[in-house]
Amino acid sequence: MTTMPARQRGLSLISWMVILVVVVILGTAAFRMIPAYMEYNTVATTIRTTLQDNRAAMMSEGEIRESIRKRFVLNQVKVISPDDVDVYKDGAFLKAEVDYEVREPMFYNVSIVMTFQEEFSKDVRQ
């Protein structure tokens, strides 16, 4: 009685190497992107907090920008300056807009580009 050879199961060494390279590239990308998203979260929280201040409705655009500057210094925001935040009054709304991008190098001439754009507003009617 002859037995049939068993089929081999599993991945070959080359398959494991390809999977490992893909995992390393994705891990590196995530490792490079996380700080930019954390800093964006800090920027957004800072602007929201500034606009929610009860005195914001009576402040000029320059005073609001100065308040944002102080909070950026306190939170160590380095990616944008308060001058990059567009602050304006639109009727009964106080608005602030941010629009910037962050480039993080991956390897050689390959970079990750993250674009952050958001408009914050507060109704200043009493």
Protein backbone atom coordinates (compact mmCIF):
# COMPACT_ATOMS: atom_id res chain seq x y z
CA MET A 1 0.00 0.00 0.00
CA THR A 2 1.49 3.33 -1.02
CA THR A 3 0.68 6.52 0.74
CA MET A 4 0.23 9.83 -0.97
CA PRO A 5 2.71 12.55 -0.02
CA ALA A 6 1.26 15.07 2.43
CA ARG A 7 0.60 18.52 1.13
CA GLN A 8 2.77 21.14 2.69
CA ARG A 9 1.03 23.96 4.45
CA GLY A 10 2.19 27.39 5.51
CA LEU A 11 4.16 30.21 3.98
CA SER A 12 7.53 29.97 2.38
CA LEU A 13 10.49 32.00 3.58
CA ILE A 14 10.07 34.48 0.72
CA SER A 15 6.39 34.97 1.58
CA TRP A 16 7.31 35.71 5.18
CA MET A 17 9.93 38.22 4.04
CA VAL A 18 7.40 40.04 1.83
CA ILE A 19 4.89 40.19 4.69
CA LEU A 20 7.60 41.46 7.04
CA VAL A 21 8.62 44.23 4.62
CA VAL A 22 4.99 45.35 4.22
CA VAL A 23 4.45 45.37 8.00
CA VAL A 24 7.67 47.37 8.55
CA ILE A 25 6.69 49.96 5.93
CA LEU A 26 3.19 50.37 7.36
CA GLY A 27 4.55 50.52 10.91
CA THR A 28 7.08 53.17 9.93
CA ALA A 29 4.34 55.22 8.24
CA ALA A 30 2.14 55.01 11.33
CA PHE A 31 5.08 55.88 13.57
CA ARG A 32 5.74 59.01 11.46
CA MET A 33 2.07 60.05 11.23
CA ILE A 34 0.96 59.76 14.85
CA PRO A 35 2.82 62.86 16.16
CA ALA A 36 1.36 65.06 13.39
CA TYR A 37 -2.18 63.96 14.21
CA MET A 38 -1.56 64.46 17.93
CA GLU A 39 -0.30 67.99 17.28
CA TYR A 40 -3.32 68.71 15.05
CA ASN A 41 -5.56 67.58 17.88
CA THR A 42 -3.77 70.06 20.16
CA VAL A 43 -4.20 72.85 17.58
CA ALA A 44 -7.92 72.10 17.19
CA THR A 45 -8.50 71.91 20.94
CA THR A 46 -6.63 75.19 21.48
CA ILE A 47 -8.70 77.04 18.89
CA ARG A 48 -11.99 75.57 20.15
CA THR A 49 -11.09 76.55 23.73
CA THR A 50 -10.17 80.07 22.66
CA LEU A 51 -13.43 80.54 20.75
CA GLN A 52 -15.52 79.13 23.61
CA ASP A 53 -14.08 81.71 26.00
CA ASN A 54 -16.87 84.05 27.13
CA ARG A 55 -14.74 87.10 26.33
CA ALA A 56 -14.07 85.98 22.73
CA ALA A 57 -17.20 87.74 21.42
CA MET A 58 -15.87 91.10 22.59
CA MET A 59 -12.25 90.57 21.54
CA SER A 60 -10.76 91.89 18.35
CA GLU A 61 -9.22 89.52 15.84
CA GLY A 62 -5.74 90.53 17.03
CA GLU A 63 -6.65 89.80 20.65
CA ILE A 64 -8.01 86.39 19.71
CA ARG A 65 -4.85 85.65 17.74
CA GLU A 66 -2.77 86.71 20.77
CA SER A 67 -4.79 84.37 22.99
CA ILE A 68 -4.17 81.56 20.51
CA ARG A 69 -0.46 82.41 20.49
CA LYS A 70 -0.25 82.14 24.27
CA ARG A 71 -2.02 78.78 24.22
CA PHE A 72 0.23 77.53 21.41
CA VAL A 73 3.28 78.45 23.51
CA LEU A 74 1.81 76.73 26.56
CA ASN A 75 1.01 73.57 24.58
CA GLN A 76 4.29 73.69 22.62
CA VAL A 77 2.64 73.82 19.20
CA LYS A 78 5.41 74.23 16.63
CA VAL A 79 3.76 73.17 13.37
CA ILE A 80 1.91 76.46 12.75
CA SER A 81 2.00 79.95 14.15
CA PRO A 82 -0.98 82.04 15.26
CA ASP A 83 -0.53 84.11 12.09
CA ASP A 84 -1.42 80.99 10.09
CA VAL A 85 -4.85 80.86 11.76
CA ASP A 86 -7.41 82.96 9.86
CA VAL A 87 -9.63 84.66 12.44
CA TYR A 88 -12.59 86.74 11.29
CA LYS A 89 -16.13 87.73 12.17
CA ASP A 90 -18.85 86.69 9.76
CA GLY A 91 -22.09 88.31 10.83
CA ALA A 92 -23.09 86.75 14.15
CA PHE A 93 -20.33 84.16 13.97
CA LEU A 94 -16.73 84.28 15.06
CA LYS A 95 -14.72 81.98 12.81
CA ALA A 96 -11.20 80.59 12.76
CA GLU A 97 -9.73 78.49 9.96
CA VAL A 98 -6.59 76.40 9.77
CA ASP A 99 -5.19 74.98 6.58
CA TYR A 100 -1.72 73.45 6.62
CA GLU A 101 0.15 70.33 5.68
CA VAL A 102 2.86 68.33 7.35
CA ARG A 103 5.51 66.40 5.42
CA GLU A 104 7.31 63.57 7.14
CA PRO A 105 10.16 61.81 5.34
CA MET A 106 9.86 58.02 5.10
CA PHE A 107 13.02 56.96 3.30
CA TYR A 108 15.13 58.34 0.47
CA ASN A 109 12.88 60.69 -1.52
CA VAL A 110 9.58 59.25 -0.28
CA SER A 111 7.57 61.39 2.14
CA ILE A 112 4.17 61.21 3.80
CA VAL A 113 2.03 64.31 3.29
CA MET A 114 -0.81 65.01 5.72
CA THR A 115 -3.20 67.88 5.06
CA PHE A 116 -5.15 69.46 7.91
CA GLN A 117 -8.00 71.82 7.14
CA GLU A 118 -10.85 72.82 9.42
CA GLU A 119 -13.12 75.75 10.16
CA PHE A 120 -14.14 76.52 13.73
CA SER A 121 -17.04 78.83 14.51
CA LYS A 122 -18.91 80.24 17.46
CA ASP A 123 -22.23 82.03 17.52
CA VAL A 124 -21.52 85.31 19.33
CA ARG A 125 -25.11 86.55 19.58
CA GLN A 126 -26.16 87.21 23.15
